[in-house]
């Protein structure tokens, strides 16, 4: 069955099941398959979930999948629209089709598109945060910490020159240092990470030192970066908890606001990362970060 047809069926099913869904899933308009850029013949799209009323801000969500799988249909934080935030779930080129830094270029293009579309959709252009889970958490941190990096901004989309800056970064069990991740991994983790990193980078980290450094959020941290919020399970067998700890250490040394919430006994993902307790922490973080816009000069 064609992918587009599957997406439409998924959406229609969600509409018919709205009475059975949690209120956070059932409220507000949903705009599917908004094209934010094209790369050759490939359309890059996002889904936009709007609250019932004027949005307080926008959260751009980046799905996981080891950089090589997954789609924007996986968006566990879309319930944030019940708290007044718009949520955009973004598709990007996967590593089996385009190596790093293609995904980063795509996500930054999506932010630029969303920023220039802010008046149309009703959220403030200076109150855009980014979040992601697993590989998406890594990409979210990298996008958020690398504003102005010539190698990572890219030239995708029609809004080149518009700021891709975000006001806050949220990473759920994401990577931060691709140079250390393999040494920190369990045997099971190595089975996941070695092929995923090889596909992402075109080789193992030690074979691609410059590219690995470019792909590691810890190398981009400086004093002007937006606040960072991290969640990680201390029993994660796939993404070493030390990855979040490393980012905390680097952010603190640079004077960047950072908080890490460790979930005891939690592994790689699970509903507990997106439950009411964690979402309240996210909402409080968003309220604080969006209260003080920190955009670069490139923003409209």
C-alpha atoms as a PDB file:
ATOM      1  CA  UNK A   1       0.000   0.000   0.000  1.00  0.00           C
ATOM      2  CA  UNK A   2       1.455   3.441  -0.900  1.00  0.00           C
ATOM      3  CA  UNK A   3       2.844   5.432   2.048  1.00  0.00           C
ATOM      4  CA  UNK A   4       0.635   8.465   1.380  1.00  0.00           C
ATOM      5  CA  UNK A   5      -2.473   6.288   1.469  1.00  0.00           C
ATOM      6  CA  UNK A   6      -1.330   4.758   4.761  1.00  0.00           C
ATOM      7  CA  UNK A   7      -0.904   8.256   6.205  1.00  0.00           C
ATOM      8  CA  UNK A   8      -4.410   9.247   5.146  1.00  0.00           C
ATOM      9  CA  UNK A   9      -5.899   6.070   6.609  1.00  0.00           C
ATOM     10  CA  UNK A  10      -4.024   6.708   9.852  1.00  0.00           C
ATOM     11  CA  UNK A  11      -5.439  10.240  10.005  1.00  0.00           C
ATOM     12  CA  UNK A  12      -9.013   9.149   9.198  1.00  0.00           C
ATOM     13  CA  UNK A  13      -8.776   6.439  11.826  1.00  0.00           C
ATOM     14  CA  UNK A  14      -7.660   8.997  14.401  1.00  0.00           C
ATOM     15  CA  UNK A  15     -10.601  11.236  13.468  1.00  0.00           C
ATOM     16  CA  UNK A  16     -13.162   8.462  13.845  1.00  0.00           C
ATOM     17  CA  UNK A  17     -11.605   7.365  17.128  1.00  0.00           C
ATOM     18  CA  UNK A  18     -11.447  10.894  18.578  1.00  0.00           C
ATOM     19  CA  UNK A  19     -14.092  10.152  21.236  1.00  0.00           C
ATOM     20  CA  UNK A  20     -11.852   7.321  22.488  1.00  0.00           C
ATOM     21  CA  UNK A  21      -8.588   9.289  22.461  1.00  0.00           C
ATOM     22  CA  UNK A  22      -7.199  11.322  25.355  1.00  0.00           C
ATOM     23  CA  UNK A  23      -8.265  14.961  25.216  1.00  0.00           C
ATOM     24  CA  UNK A  24      -4.674  16.000  24.442  1.00  0.00           C
ATOM     25  CA  UNK A  25      -4.847  14.025  21.200  1.00  0.00           C
ATOM     26  CA  UNK A  26      -8.347  15.054  20.165  1.00  0.00           C
ATOM     27  CA  UNK A  27      -8.256  18.846  20.402  1.00  0.00           C
ATOM     28  CA  UNK A  28      -7.312  21.435  17.796  1.00  0.00           C
ATOM     29  CA  UNK A  29      -6.755  21.463  14.040  1.00  0.00           C
ATOM     30  CA  UNK A  30      -4.303  19.060  12.398  1.00  0.00           C
ATOM     31  CA  UNK A  31      -2.525  19.969   9.140  1.00  0.00           C
ATOM     32  CA  UNK A  32      -0.933  16.965   7.473  1.00  0.00           C
ATOM     33  CA  UNK A  33       1.881  16.770   4.935  1.00  0.00           C
ATOM     34  CA  UNK A  34       2.834  20.441   4.773  1.00  0.00           C
ATOM     35  CA  UNK A  35       5.749  20.611   2.351  1.00  0.00           C
ATOM     36  CA  UNK A  36       8.550  22.675   3.862  1.00  0.00           C
ATOM     37  CA  UNK A  37      11.188  22.033   1.172  1.00  0.00           C
ATOM     38  CA  UNK A  38      12.138  19.879  -1.795  1.00  0.00           C
ATOM     39  CA  UNK A  39      15.429  18.127  -2.502  1.00  0.00           C
ATOM     40  CA  UNK A  40      15.439  17.173  -6.157  1.00  0.00           C
ATOM     41  CA  UNK A  41      12.213  15.253  -6.669  1.00  0.00           C
ATOM     42  CA  UNK A  42      11.820  14.446  -2.969  1.00  0.00           C
ATOM     43  CA  UNK A  43       9.235  16.373  -0.982  1.00  0.00           C
ATOM     44  CA  UNK A  44      10.061  17.058   2.664  1.00  0.00           C
ATOM     45  CA  UNK A  45       6.979  17.439   4.816  1.00  0.00           C
ATOM     46  CA  UNK A  46       5.771  17.989   8.348  1.00  0.00           C
ATOM     47  CA  UNK A  47       2.527  17.586  10.287  1.00  0.00           C
ATOM     48  CA  UNK A  48       1.324  20.551  12.340  1.00  0.00           C
ATOM     49  CA  UNK A  49      -0.838  20.067  15.434  1.00  0.00           C
ATOM     50  CA  UNK A  50      -2.457  23.291  16.582  1.00  0.00           C
ATOM     51  CA  UNK A  51      -4.163  23.973  19.914  1.00  0.00           C
ATOM     52  CA  UNK A  52      -7.733  25.129  20.225  1.00  0.00           C
ATOM     53  CA  UNK A  53      -6.891  28.818  20.426  1.00  0.00           C
ATOM     54  CA  UNK A  54      -3.858  30.992  19.796  1.00  0.00           C
ATOM     55  CA  UNK A  55      -0.654  29.009  20.389  1.00  0.00           C
ATOM     56  CA  UNK A  56       1.726  30.181  23.111  1.00  0.00           C
ATOM     57  CA  UNK A  57       4.633  28.896  21.042  1.00  0.00           C
ATOM     58  CA  UNK A  58       5.753  26.070  18.772  1.00  0.00           C
ATOM     59  CA  UNK A  59       7.679  22.866  19.503  1.00  0.00           C
ATOM     60  CA  UNK A  60       9.375  21.188  16.531  1.00  0.00           C
ATOM     61  CA  UNK A  61       9.574  17.428  17.149  1.00  0.00           C
ATOM     62  CA  UNK A  62      12.198  15.126  15.593  1.00  0.00           C
ATOM     63  CA  UNK A  63      11.410  11.398  15.558  1.00  0.00           C
ATOM     64  CA  UNK A  64      13.875   8.649  16.405  1.00  0.00           C
ATOM     65  CA  UNK A  65      14.785   5.448  14.594  1.00  0.00           C
ATOM     66  CA  UNK A  66      18.564   5.215  14.610  1.00  0.00           C
ATOM     67  CA  UNK A  67      18.774   7.964  11.954  1.00  0.00           C
ATOM     68  CA  UNK A  68      17.736   5.313   9.401  1.00  0.00           C
ATOM     69  CA  UNK A  69      14.038   4.649  10.077  1.00  0.00           C
ATOM     70  CA  UNK A  70      10.906   6.204  11.585  1.00  0.00           C
ATOM     71  CA  UNK A  71       8.569   8.949  10.437  1.00  0.00           C
ATOM     72  CA  UNK A  72       6.686  12.036  11.564  1.00  0.00           C
ATOM     73  CA  UNK A  73       3.715   9.811  12.455  1.00  0.00           C
ATOM     74  CA  UNK A  74       5.627   9.020  15.654  1.00  0.00           C
ATOM     75  CA  UNK A  75       5.046  12.133  17.754  1.00  0.00           C
ATOM     76  CA  UNK A  76       4.516  11.300  21.441  1.00  0.00           C
ATOM     77  CA  UNK A  77       4.519  14.955  22.563  1.00  0.00           C
ATOM     78  CA  UNK A  78       1.660  16.192  20.409  1.00  0.00           C
ATOM     79  CA  UNK A  79      -0.467  16.303  23.559  1.00  0.00           C
ATOM     80  CA  UNK A  80       1.376  19.565  24.340  1.00  0.00           C
ATOM     81  CA  UNK A  81      -1.221  21.323  22.203  1.00  0.00           C
ATOM     82  CA  UNK A  82      -3.639  20.670  25.073  1.00  0.00           C
ATOM     83  CA  UNK A  83      -1.349  22.996  27.037  1.00  0.00           C
ATOM     84  CA  UNK A  84      -1.536  25.719  24.409  1.00  0.00           C
ATOM     85  CA  UNK A  85       1.512  24.880  22.277  1.00  0.00           C
ATOM     86  CA  UNK A  86       1.601  24.087  18.572  1.00  0.00           C
ATOM     87  CA  UNK A  87       3.608  20.971  17.702  1.00  0.00           C
ATOM     88  CA  UNK A  88       5.252  20.299  14.325  1.00  0.00           C
ATOM     89  CA  UNK A  89       6.396  16.721  13.648  1.00  0.00           C
ATOM     90  CA  UNK A  90       9.059  16.713  10.942  1.00  0.00           C
ATOM     91  CA  UNK A  91      10.132  14.150   8.377  1.00  0.00           C
ATOM     92  CA  UNK A  92      13.778  14.333   7.264  1.00  0.00           C
ATOM     93  CA  UNK A  93      16.021  12.384   4.918  1.00  0.00           C
ATOM     94  CA  UNK A  94      17.043   9.140   6.572  1.00  0.00           C
ATOM     95  CA  UNK A  95      20.644   7.942   6.559  1.00  0.00           C
ATOM     96  CA  UNK A  96      19.941   5.150   4.072  1.00  0.00           C
ATOM     97  CA  UNK A  97      19.104   7.819   1.496  1.00  0.00           C
ATOM     98  CA  UNK A  98      21.383  10.693   2.498  1.00  0.00           C
ATOM     99  CA  UNK A  99      24.362  10.735   4.846  1.00  0.00           C
ATOM    100  CA  UNK A 100      24.995  13.262   7.605  1.00  0.00           C
ATOM    101  CA  UNK A 101      24.532  16.236   7.675  1.00  0.00           C
ATOM    102  CA  UNK A 102      21.478  15.929   5.373  1.00  0.00           C
ATOM    103  CA  UNK A 103      19.034  15.372   8.258  1.00  0.00           C
ATOM    104  CA  UNK A 104      20.301  18.476  10.079  1.00  0.00           C
ATOM    105  CA  UNK A 105      19.986  20.574   6.922  1.00  0.00           C
ATOM    106  CA  UNK A 106      16.397  19.351   6.530  1.00  0.00           C
ATOM    107  CA  UNK A 107      15.356  20.096  10.108  1.00  0.00           C
ATOM    108  CA  UNK A 108      16.848  23.574   9.958  1.00  0.00           C
ATOM    109  CA  UNK A 109      14.937  24.151   6.711  1.00  0.00           C
ATOM    110  CA  UNK A 110      11.760  23.069   8.505  1.00  0.00           C
ATOM    111  CA  UNK A 111      12.407  25.595  11.292  1.00  0.00           C
ATOM    112  CA  UNK A 112      12.974  28.367   8.764  1.00  0.00           C
ATOM    113  CA  UNK A 113       9.737  27.426   6.965  1.00  0.00           C
ATOM    114  CA  UNK A 114       7.812  27.374  10.237  1.00  0.00           C
ATOM    115  CA  UNK A 115       9.290  30.698  11.323  1.00  0.00           C
ATOM    116  CA  UNK A 116       8.265  32.418   8.081  1.00  0.00           C
ATOM    117  CA  UNK A 117       4.812  30.778   8.371  1.00  0.00           C
ATOM    118  CA  UNK A 118       4.233  31.902  11.962  1.00  0.00           C
ATOM    119  CA  UNK A 119       1.736  34.622  11.126  1.00  0.00           C
ATOM    120  CA  UNK A 120      -0.278  32.208   8.990  1.00  0.00           C
ATOM    121  CA  UNK A 121      -0.508  29.578  11.731  1.00  0.00           C
ATOM    122  CA  UNK A 122      -0.730  31.910  14.709  1.00  0.00           C
ATOM    123  CA  UNK A 123       2.291  31.085  16.911  1.00  0.00           C
ATOM    124  CA  UNK A 124       5.015  33.681  17.715  1.00  0.00           C
ATOM    125  CA  UNK A 125       8.039  33.462  15.412  1.00  0.00           C
ATOM    126  CA  UNK A 126      10.394  34.060  18.353  1.00  0.00           C
ATOM    127  CA  UNK A 127       9.007  31.225  20.481  1.00  0.00           C
ATOM    128  CA  UNK A 128      10.110  28.072  18.699  1.00  0.00           C
ATOM    129  CA  UNK A 129      11.683  25.194  20.635  1.00  0.00           C
ATOM    130  CA  UNK A 130      12.954  21.830  19.396  1.00  0.00           C
ATOM    131  CA  UNK A 131      12.545  18.359  20.888  1.00  0.00           C
ATOM    132  CA  UNK A 132      13.386  14.810  19.860  1.00  0.00           C
ATOM    133  CA  UNK A 133      13.726  11.244  21.062  1.00  0.00           C
ATOM    134  CA  UNK A 134      16.695   8.882  20.693  1.00  0.00           C
ATOM    135  CA  UNK A 135      18.345   9.670  17.324  1.00  0.00           C
ATOM    136  CA  UNK A 136      15.835  12.512  17.116  1.00  0.00           C
ATOM    137  CA  UNK A 137      17.055  13.782  20.481  1.00  0.00           C
ATOM    138  CA  UNK A 138      20.590  13.825  19.118  1.00  0.00           C
ATOM    139  CA  UNK A 139      19.452  15.728  16.028  1.00  0.00           C
ATOM    140  CA  UNK A 140      17.372  18.153  18.097  1.00  0.00           C
ATOM    141  CA  UNK A 141      20.355  18.963  20.313  1.00  0.00           C
ATOM    142  CA  UNK A 142      22.648  19.315  17.320  1.00  0.00           C
ATOM    143  CA  UNK A 143      20.242  21.622  15.489  1.00  0.00           C
ATOM    144  CA  UNK A 144      19.645  23.717  18.586  1.00  0.00           C
ATOM    145  CA  UNK A 145      23.307  24.087  19.548  1.00  0.00           C
ATOM    146  CA  UNK A 146      24.755  24.763  16.088  1.00  0.00           C
ATOM    147  CA  UNK A 147      23.122  28.001  15.012  1.00  0.00           C
ATOM    148  CA  UNK A 148      25.245  29.729  12.402  1.00  0.00           C
ATOM    149  CA  UNK A 149      27.498  26.740  11.660  1.00  0.00           C
ATOM    150  CA  UNK A 150      28.175  26.996   7.899  1.00  0.00           C
ATOM    151  CA  UNK A 151      28.488  23.224   7.573  1.00  0.00           C
ATOM    152  CA  UNK A 152      25.184  22.535   9.319  1.00  0.00           C
ATOM    153  CA  UNK A 153      22.863  25.357   8.236  1.00  0.00           C
ATOM    154  CA  UNK A 154      22.664  24.014   4.693  1.00  0.00           C
ATOM    155  CA  UNK A 155      20.841  25.571   1.759  1.00  0.00           C
ATOM    156  CA  UNK A 156      17.626  23.549   1.729  1.00  0.00           C
ATOM    157  CA  UNK A 157      14.281  25.254   1.107  1.00  0.00           C
ATOM    158  CA  UNK A 158      13.185  28.709   0.031  1.00  0.00           C
ATOM    159  CA  UNK A 159      13.949  30.506   3.282  1.00  0.00           C
ATOM    160  CA  UNK A 160      17.749  30.419   3.358  1.00  0.00           C
ATOM    161  CA  UNK A 161      18.964  33.380   5.407  1.00  0.00           C
ATOM    162  CA  UNK A 162      16.107  33.176   7.916  1.00  0.00           C
ATOM    163  CA  UNK A 163      17.257  32.253  11.431  1.00  0.00           C
ATOM    164  CA  UNK A 164      17.075  28.579  12.418  1.00  0.00           C
ATOM    165  CA  UNK A 165      17.647  29.474  16.076  1.00  0.00           C
ATOM    166  CA  UNK A 166      15.447  27.938  18.742  1.00  0.00           C
ATOM    167  CA  UNK A 167      14.724  29.195  22.238  1.00  0.00           C
ATOM    168  CA  UNK A 168      14.966  25.815  23.952  1.00  0.00           C
ATOM    169  CA  UNK A 169      16.168  22.235  23.387  1.00  0.00           C
ATOM    170  CA  UNK A 170      14.548  19.051  24.763  1.00  0.00           C
ATOM    171  CA  UNK A 171      16.250  15.695  24.250  1.00  0.00           C
ATOM    172  CA  UNK A 172      14.734  12.398  25.337  1.00  0.00           C
ATOM    173  CA  UNK A 173      17.533   9.780  25.676  1.00  0.00           C
ATOM    174  CA  UNK A 174      19.576  11.244  22.808  1.00  0.00           C
ATOM    175  CA  UNK A 175      23.264  11.041  21.923  1.00  0.00           C
ATOM    176  CA  UNK A 176      25.639  13.948  22.530  1.00  0.00           C
ATOM    177  CA  UNK A 177      29.150  12.688  21.739  1.00  0.00           C
ATOM    178  CA  UNK A 178      29.599  10.244  18.873  1.00  0.00           C
ATOM    179  CA  UNK A 179      33.283   9.914  19.712  1.00  0.00           C
ATOM    180  CA  UNK A 180      32.579   8.266  23.067  1.00  0.00           C
ATOM    181  CA  UNK A 181      29.270   6.501  22.498  1.00  0.00           C
ATOM    182  CA  UNK A 182      30.696   3.145  21.385  1.00  0.00           C
ATOM    183  CA  UNK A 183      33.102   2.890  24.326  1.00  0.00           C
ATOM    184  CA  UNK A 184      30.171   3.552  26.675  1.00  0.00           C
ATOM    185  CA  UNK A 185      27.797   1.076  25.007  1.00  0.00           C
ATOM    186  CA  UNK A 186      26.680  -2.313  26.250  1.00  0.00           C
ATOM    187  CA  UNK A 187      27.125  -5.366  24.014  1.00  0.00           C
ATOM    188  CA  UNK A 188      23.519  -4.979  22.944  1.00  0.00           C
ATOM    189  CA  UNK A 189      24.040  -1.275  22.385  1.00  0.00           C
ATOM    190  CA  UNK A 190      26.986  -1.941  20.083  1.00  0.00           C
ATOM    191  CA  UNK A 191      24.806  -4.172  17.929  1.00  0.00           C
ATOM    192  CA  UNK A 192      22.512  -1.176  17.433  1.00  0.00           C
ATOM    193  CA  UNK A 193      25.005   1.677  17.281  1.00  0.00           C
ATOM    194  CA  UNK A 194      27.772   0.302  15.058  1.00  0.00           C
ATOM    195  CA  UNK A 195      25.611  -0.229  11.930  1.00  0.00           C
ATOM    196  CA  UNK A 196      23.599   2.918  12.617  1.00  0.00           C
ATOM    197  CA  UNK A 197      26.676   5.137  12.950  1.00  0.00           C
ATOM    198  CA  UNK A 198      28.354   3.516   9.946  1.00  0.00           C
ATOM    199  CA  UNK A 199      25.318   4.317   7.823  1.00  0.00           C
ATOM    200  CA  UNK A 200      24.980   7.847   9.217  1.00  0.00           C
ATOM    201  CA  UNK A 201      28.629   8.872   8.858  1.00  0.00           C
ATOM    202  CA  UNK A 202      29.770   6.612   6.033  1.00  0.00           C
ATOM    203  CA  UNK A 203      32.157   4.871   8.400  1.00  0.00           C
ATOM    204  CA  UNK A 204      32.890   4.316  12.073  1.00  0.00           C
ATOM    205  CA  UNK A 205      33.618   7.384  14.234  1.00  0.00           C
ATOM    206  CA  UNK A 206      37.355   6.667  14.391  1.00  0.00           C
ATOM    207  CA  UNK A 207      37.415   6.504  10.591  1.00  0.00           C
ATOM    208  CA  UNK A 208      35.640   9.871  10.239  1.00  0.00           C
ATOM    209  CA  UNK A 209      37.048  12.050  13.052  1.00  0.00           C
ATOM    210  CA  UNK A 210      36.169  15.464  11.604  1.00  0.00           C
ATOM    211  CA  UNK A 211      32.668  14.418  10.579  1.00  0.00           C
ATOM    212  CA  UNK A 212      32.127  12.736  13.950  1.00  0.00           C
ATOM    213  CA  UNK A 213      33.091  15.923  15.773  1.00  0.00           C
ATOM    214  CA  UNK A 214      30.737  17.944  13.554  1.00  0.00           C
ATOM    215  CA  UNK A 215      27.942  15.473  14.331  1.00  0.00           C
ATOM    216  CA  UNK A 216      28.464  15.653  18.118  1.00  0.00           C
ATOM    217  CA  UNK A 217      26.364  18.256  19.997  1.00  0.00           C
ATOM    218  CA  UNK A 218      29.032  18.620  22.721  1.00  0.00           C
ATOM    219  CA  UNK A 219      31.434  20.233  20.229  1.00  0.00           C
ATOM    220  CA  UNK A 220      28.981  23.040  19.427  1.00  0.00           C
ATOM    221  CA  UNK A 221      28.169  24.271  22.921  1.00  0.00           C
ATOM    222  CA  UNK A 222      28.965  27.894  23.703  1.00  0.00           C
ATOM    223  CA  UNK A 223      27.745  30.543  26.120  1.00  0.00           C
ATOM    224  CA  UNK A 224      25.115  31.910  23.735  1.00  0.00           C
ATOM    225  CA  UNK A 225      23.191  28.651  23.371  1.00  0.00           C
ATOM    226  CA  UNK A 226      19.561  28.185  24.436  1.00  0.00           C
ATOM    227  CA  UNK A 227      18.600  26.243  27.585  1.00  0.00           C
ATOM    228  CA  UNK A 228      18.641  22.443  27.441  1.00  0.00           C
ATOM    229  CA  UNK A 229      16.319  19.905  29.079  1.00  0.00           C
ATOM    230  CA  UNK A 230      17.299  16.214  29.094  1.00  0.00           C
ATOM    231  CA  UNK A 231      15.524  12.983  30.026  1.00  0.00           C
ATOM    232  CA  UNK A 232      17.311   9.628  30.234  1.00  0.00           C
ATOM    233  CA  UNK A 233      16.694   6.235  31.798  1.00  0.00           C
ATOM    234  CA  UNK A 234      19.544   4.957  33.967  1.00  0.00           C
ATOM    235  CA  UNK A 235      19.013   1.406  32.621  1.00  0.00           C
ATOM    236  CA  UNK A 236      19.055   2.362  28.941  1.00  0.00           C
ATOM    237  CA  UNK A 237      20.748  -0.505  27.051  1.00  0.00           C
ATOM    238  CA  UNK A 238      20.799   1.289  23.688  1.00  0.00           C
ATOM    239  CA  UNK A 239      21.792   4.888  24.396  1.00  0.00           C
ATOM    240  CA  UNK A 240      24.334   5.154  27.227  1.00  0.00           C
ATOM    241  CA  UNK A 241      23.115   7.479  30.023  1.00  0.00           C
ATOM    242  CA  UNK A 242      26.640   8.940  30.016  1.00  0.00           C
ATOM    243  CA  UNK A 243      25.713  10.680  26.767  1.00  0.00           C
ATOM    244  CA  UNK A 244      23.296  12.978  28.579  1.00  0.00           C
ATOM    245  CA  UNK A 245      25.733  13.391  31.460  1.00  0.00           C
ATOM    246  CA  UNK A 246      28.452  14.535  29.054  1.00  0.00           C
ATOM    247  CA  UNK A 247      26.184  17.186  27.593  1.00  0.00           C
ATOM    248  CA  UNK A 248      25.297  18.407  31.076  1.00  0.00           C
ATOM    249  CA  UNK A 249      28.972  18.790  31.965  1.00  0.00           C
ATOM    250  CA  UNK A 250      29.827  20.686  28.781  1.00  0.00           C
ATOM    251  CA  UNK A 251      26.805  22.985  29.112  1.00  0.00           C
ATOM    252  CA  UNK A 252      27.619  23.822  32.727  1.00  0.00           C
ATOM    253  CA  UNK A 253      31.203  24.675  31.841  1.00  0.00           C
ATOM    254  CA  UNK A 254      29.969  27.006  29.096  1.00  0.00           C
ATOM    255  CA  UNK A 255      27.368  28.652  31.322  1.00  0.00           C
ATOM    256  CA  UNK A 256      24.403  27.215  29.397  1.00  0.00           C
ATOM    257  CA  UNK A 257      21.281  26.448  31.428  1.00  0.00           C
ATOM    258  CA  UNK A 258      20.796  22.671  31.545  1.00  0.00           C
ATOM    259  CA  UNK A 259      18.741  20.156  33.515  1.00  0.00           C
ATOM    260  CA  UNK A 260      18.850  16.352  33.400  1.00  0.00           C
ATOM    261  CA  UNK A 261      15.986  14.226  34.708  1.00  0.00           C
ATOM    262  CA  UNK A 262      17.038  10.608  35.228  1.00  0.00           C
ATOM    263  CA  UNK A 263      14.297   7.979  35.261  1.00  0.00           C
ATOM    264  CA  UNK A 264      15.388   5.136  37.608  1.00  0.00           C
ATOM    265  CA  UNK A 265      15.048   1.713  36.012  1.00  0.00           C
ATOM    266  CA  UNK A 266      13.827   3.084  32.683  1.00  0.00           C
ATOM    267  CA  UNK A 267      15.277   1.778  29.465  1.00  0.00           C
ATOM    268  CA  UNK A 268      15.273   3.174  25.928  1.00  0.00           C
ATOM    269  CA  UNK A 269      11.934   4.907  25.657  1.00  0.00           C
ATOM    270  CA  UNK A 270       8.579   3.993  27.136  1.00  0.00           C
ATOM    271  CA  UNK A 271       5.382   5.775  28.052  1.00  0.00           C
ATOM    272  CA  UNK A 272       6.887   7.065  31.307  1.00  0.00           C
ATOM    273  CA  UNK A 273       9.020   9.558  29.356  1.00  0.00           C
ATOM    274  CA  UNK A 274       5.872  11.269  28.071  1.00  0.00           C
ATOM    275  CA  UNK A 275       3.543  10.885  31.050  1.00  0.00           C
ATOM    276  CA  UNK A 276       1.871  13.740  32.911  1.00  0.00           C
ATOM    277  CA  UNK A 277       4.812  14.180  35.300  1.00  0.00           C
ATOM    278  CA  UNK A 278       7.387  14.543  32.519  1.00  0.00           C
ATOM    279  CA  UNK A 279       5.097  16.700  30.370  1.00  0.00           C
ATOM    280  CA  UNK A 280       4.602  19.114  33.247  1.00  0.00           C
ATOM    281  CA  UNK A 281       8.385  19.482  33.436  1.00  0.00           C
ATOM    282  CA  UNK A 282       8.438  20.123  29.682  1.00  0.00           C
ATOM    283  CA  UNK A 283       5.634  22.691  29.928  1.00  0.00           C
ATOM    284  CA  UNK A 284       7.402  24.550  32.731  1.00  0.00           C
ATOM    285  CA  UNK A 285      10.640  24.531  30.730  1.00  0.00           C
ATOM    286  CA  UNK A 286       8.840  25.890  27.654  1.00  0.00           C
ATOM    287  CA  UNK A 287       7.149  28.633  29.647  1.00  0.00           C
ATOM    288  CA  UNK A 288      10.488  29.735  31.060  1.00  0.00           C
ATOM    289  CA  UNK A 289      12.419  29.609  27.801  1.00  0.00           C
ATOM    290  CA  UNK A 290       9.700  31.182  25.691  1.00  0.00           C
ATOM    291  CA  UNK A 291       9.312  34.003  28.154  1.00  0.00           C
ATOM    292  CA  UNK A 292      12.672  35.407  27.037  1.00  0.00           C
ATOM    293  CA  UNK A 293      13.049  35.364  23.225  1.00  0.00           C
ATOM    294  CA  UNK A 294      16.675  34.918  22.194  1.00  0.00           C
ATOM    295  CA  UNK A 295      16.719  35.072  18.407  1.00  0.00           C
ATOM    296  CA  UNK A 296      19.580  35.859  16.108  1.00  0.00           C
ATOM    297  CA  UNK A 297      19.576  38.733  13.639  1.00  0.00           C
ATOM    298  CA  UNK A 298      18.428  36.489  10.819  1.00  0.00           C
ATOM    299  CA  UNK A 299      14.890  36.156  12.179  1.00  0.00           C
ATOM    300  CA  UNK A 300      12.138  38.181  10.513  1.00  0.00           C
END
